[in-house]
Every structure is written in C-alpha cells, then in structure tokens.
Amino acid sequence: MPDMTHGWEAALAEAESPSWARRARAGCALARFAGVPEVAGPLVRLLLDTGDTAVTRRTAEALTRVGTPAAVRLVVLALAGADDGQADWLWTGIHDAQAEPGGGTDLAAVCARLARDPDGAVRRGAAVLAADADRDGVLLPRT
C-alpha cells in the first residue's frame, strides 16, 4: 500500500528549516490546514518566529486570508503572546490580507465567535483584533 500523505507533511518539515524563506513558504502552505491539530502548534511558532519578521508577516497574512475560525484563532493566539515587535508584523500581515481584493474576511464576526473560546489567551487576542475591526469587518488603521 503506498504511503498516503495528508498534504501538509512536507510543509510541516519546512516549518523547521533554518531558511527564513522556507519557513515563510511553509506558513503560507500550512494556513489552509489550520484546523488540523498537528499543524496548529507549528503555525503559532511561525507566527511568533524569532528568526525573521517576514515569516511572521506572511504566515499572518495567509491565515487571515483563509479566514476560518481555526485560522483566525491561531492569529489571535499569537497576538495574545506576541512582544511589541512581533505584534507589529502580525498586524502588518493581517492588514495586508484585508487590503487585497477578496480579502474581506468578516474578522469582527469571527472574533465574536472566538470571544467564547475556552482559552483565555484566544479570548484576549480576539478582543484586541475585534477592537480594530469596524462593523463591516474591515480593519481600521492602527495608530
């Protein structure tokens, strides 16, 4: 019987690469699998990457573009645990995704759902993200 892959194993291996470009590519590839338990932890590590801000930005952008509750949950979890520098790059990725045509995920609605998450860090991160979203789900510029 041939070895069946789940479509995310190769990207998961790249998430541990010393190359920032490979880690960023892995974050983008893994974003659509945000709801898979084996992928969630590595995605949060990529969102909080200490080696290169491009990894943080591109992973946040990809997850925001996916826009599912599972994907946004990882972004808000990272926001809750980010230092100021990481948070700036997370916000940049979020804003980049929202600024693209078709990037209009209703973040306010997703955050309202995440406000009931059992994890306090997720609830805190969702509150922060929701505070920057207007009633149409479009992020307001941070000042």
Protein backbone atom coordinates (compact mmCIF):
# COMPACT_ATOMS: atom_id res chain seq x y z
CA MET A 1 0.00 0.00 0.00
CA PRO A 2 1.52 3.39 -0.94
CA ASP A 3 2.32 5.89 1.78
CA MET A 4 -0.55 8.38 1.84
CA THR A 5 0.26 11.93 2.87
CA HIS A 6 -2.11 14.46 4.28
CA GLY A 7 -0.93 17.27 2.01
CA TRP A 8 0.79 19.11 4.83
CA GLU A 9 3.69 16.88 5.90
CA ALA A 10 6.27 18.38 3.54
CA ALA A 11 5.31 21.92 4.57
CA LEU A 12 5.44 20.88 8.22
CA ALA A 13 9.04 19.73 7.74
CA GLU A 14 9.89 23.09 6.09
CA ALA A 15 8.48 24.94 9.10
CA GLU A 16 11.62 23.85 10.99
CA SER A 17 14.04 24.96 8.26
CA PRO A 18 16.90 27.33 9.09
CA SER A 19 15.92 29.23 5.93
CA TRP A 20 13.50 32.09 6.58
CA ALA A 21 12.17 31.78 3.02
CA ARG A 22 11.32 28.11 3.54
CA ARG A 23 9.66 28.85 6.89
CA ALA A 24 7.61 31.65 5.31
CA ARG A 25 6.61 29.36 2.43
CA ALA A 26 5.65 26.69 4.97
CA GLY A 27 3.45 29.15 6.88
CA CYS A 28 1.61 30.02 3.68
CA ALA A 29 1.22 26.37 2.68
CA LEU A 30 0.07 25.26 6.13
CA ALA A 31 -2.51 28.04 6.57
CA ARG A 32 -5.26 26.10 4.83
CA PHE A 33 -4.70 23.25 7.31
CA ALA A 34 -5.06 25.48 10.40
CA GLY A 35 -7.77 23.22 11.82
CA VAL A 36 -5.50 20.17 11.84
CA PRO A 37 -4.17 19.63 15.38
CA GLU A 38 -0.70 18.59 14.16
CA VAL A 39 -0.40 21.84 12.21
CA ALA A 40 -1.69 24.36 14.78
CA GLY A 41 1.39 24.39 17.04
CA PRO A 42 3.89 24.83 14.21
CA LEU A 43 1.76 27.64 12.73
CA VAL A 44 1.78 29.52 16.04
CA ARG A 45 5.57 29.09 16.19
CA LEU A 46 5.81 30.52 12.67
CA LEU A 47 3.58 33.43 13.65
CA LEU A 48 5.95 34.17 16.54
CA ASP A 49 9.11 33.38 14.53
CA THR A 50 12.16 34.87 16.23
CA GLY A 51 14.43 34.44 13.23
CA ASP A 52 12.77 36.67 10.64
CA THR A 53 9.83 39.06 10.60
CA ALA A 54 8.89 38.02 7.05
CA VAL A 55 7.88 34.62 8.41
CA THR A 56 5.54 36.26 10.92
CA ARG A 57 4.06 38.65 8.38
CA ARG A 58 3.49 36.10 5.60
CA THR A 59 2.03 33.48 7.93
CA ALA A 60 -0.35 36.02 9.50
CA GLU A 61 -1.38 37.20 6.04
CA ALA A 62 -2.02 33.65 4.81
CA LEU A 63 -4.05 32.68 7.89
CA THR A 64 -6.09 35.89 7.74
CA ARG A 65 -6.76 35.31 4.06
CA VAL A 66 -8.01 31.77 4.84
CA GLY A 67 -10.27 33.44 7.40
CA THR A 68 -11.76 30.35 9.02
CA PRO A 69 -12.31 30.39 12.78
CA ALA A 70 -9.46 27.87 13.14
CA ALA A 71 -7.09 30.07 11.12
CA VAL A 72 -8.02 33.33 12.86
CA ARG A 73 -7.85 31.55 16.23
CA LEU A 74 -4.13 30.93 15.65
CA VAL A 75 -3.56 34.58 14.70
CA VAL A 76 -5.30 35.89 17.81
CA LEU A 77 -3.47 33.35 19.96
CA ALA A 78 -0.20 34.68 18.57
CA LEU A 79 -1.34 38.29 19.12
CA ALA A 80 -2.01 37.49 22.77
CA GLY A 81 1.54 36.16 23.24
CA ALA A 82 3.49 38.47 20.95
CA ASP A 83 6.04 41.04 22.00
CA ASP A 84 5.67 44.54 20.52
CA GLY A 85 7.88 43.81 17.51
CA GLN A 86 6.10 40.56 16.68
CA ALA A 87 2.72 42.21 17.15
CA ASP A 88 3.63 44.92 14.63
CA TRP A 89 4.43 42.29 11.99
CA LEU A 90 1.32 40.26 12.84
CA TRP A 91 -0.78 43.40 12.32
CA THR A 92 1.01 44.12 9.05
CA GLY A 93 0.13 40.63 7.77
CA ILE A 94 -3.48 40.97 8.92
CA HIS A 95 -3.83 44.36 7.26
CA ASP A 96 -2.17 43.13 4.05
CA ALA A 97 -4.67 40.27 3.77
CA GLN A 98 -7.63 42.57 4.41
CA ALA A 99 -6.42 45.11 1.85
CA GLU A 100 -6.34 42.57 -1.00
CA PRO A 101 -9.32 42.20 -3.31
CA GLY A 102 -11.37 39.34 -1.89
CA GLY A 103 -9.53 39.56 1.43
CA GLY A 104 -12.60 40.80 3.22
CA THR A 105 -12.99 38.07 5.81
CA ASP A 106 -15.51 39.27 8.36
CA LEU A 107 -12.99 39.39 11.18
CA ALA A 108 -15.46 41.01 13.56
CA ALA A 109 -17.82 38.04 13.19
CA VAL A 110 -15.01 35.51 13.60
CA CYS A 111 -13.73 37.38 16.66
CA ALA A 112 -17.23 37.39 18.16
CA ARG A 113 -17.21 33.61 17.87
CA LEU A 114 -13.69 33.38 19.32
CA ALA A 115 -14.74 35.56 22.26
CA ARG A 116 -16.41 32.40 23.62
CA ASP A 117 -13.29 30.21 23.23
CA PRO A 118 -12.36 28.27 26.36
CA ASP A 119 -8.73 29.52 26.10
CA GLY A 120 -8.30 32.88 27.82
CA ALA A 121 -5.41 33.85 25.53
CA VAL A 122 -7.65 33.33 22.49
CA ARG A 123 -10.39 35.45 24.06
CA ARG A 124 -7.88 38.24 24.83
CA GLY A 125 -6.40 38.15 21.32
CA ALA A 126 -9.85 38.13 19.75
CA ALA A 127 -10.82 41.18 21.80
CA VAL A 128 -7.72 43.02 20.58
CA LEU A 129 -8.40 42.12 16.96
CA ALA A 130 -12.11 42.92 17.25
CA ALA A 131 -11.29 46.34 18.70
CA ASP A 132 -9.52 47.18 15.42
CA ALA A 133 -12.36 45.92 13.22
CA ASP A 134 -15.26 48.16 12.30
CA ARG A 135 -18.84 46.89 11.97
CA ASP A 136 -18.15 45.66 8.42
CA GLY A 137 -15.20 43.53 9.48
CA VAL A 138 -12.63 45.79 7.82
CA LEU A 139 -9.65 46.61 9.95
CA LEU A 140 -9.10 50.20 10.88
CA PRO A 141 -5.54 51.55 10.66
CA ARG A 142 -3.57 51.23 13.88
CA THR A 143 -2.12 54.42 15.25
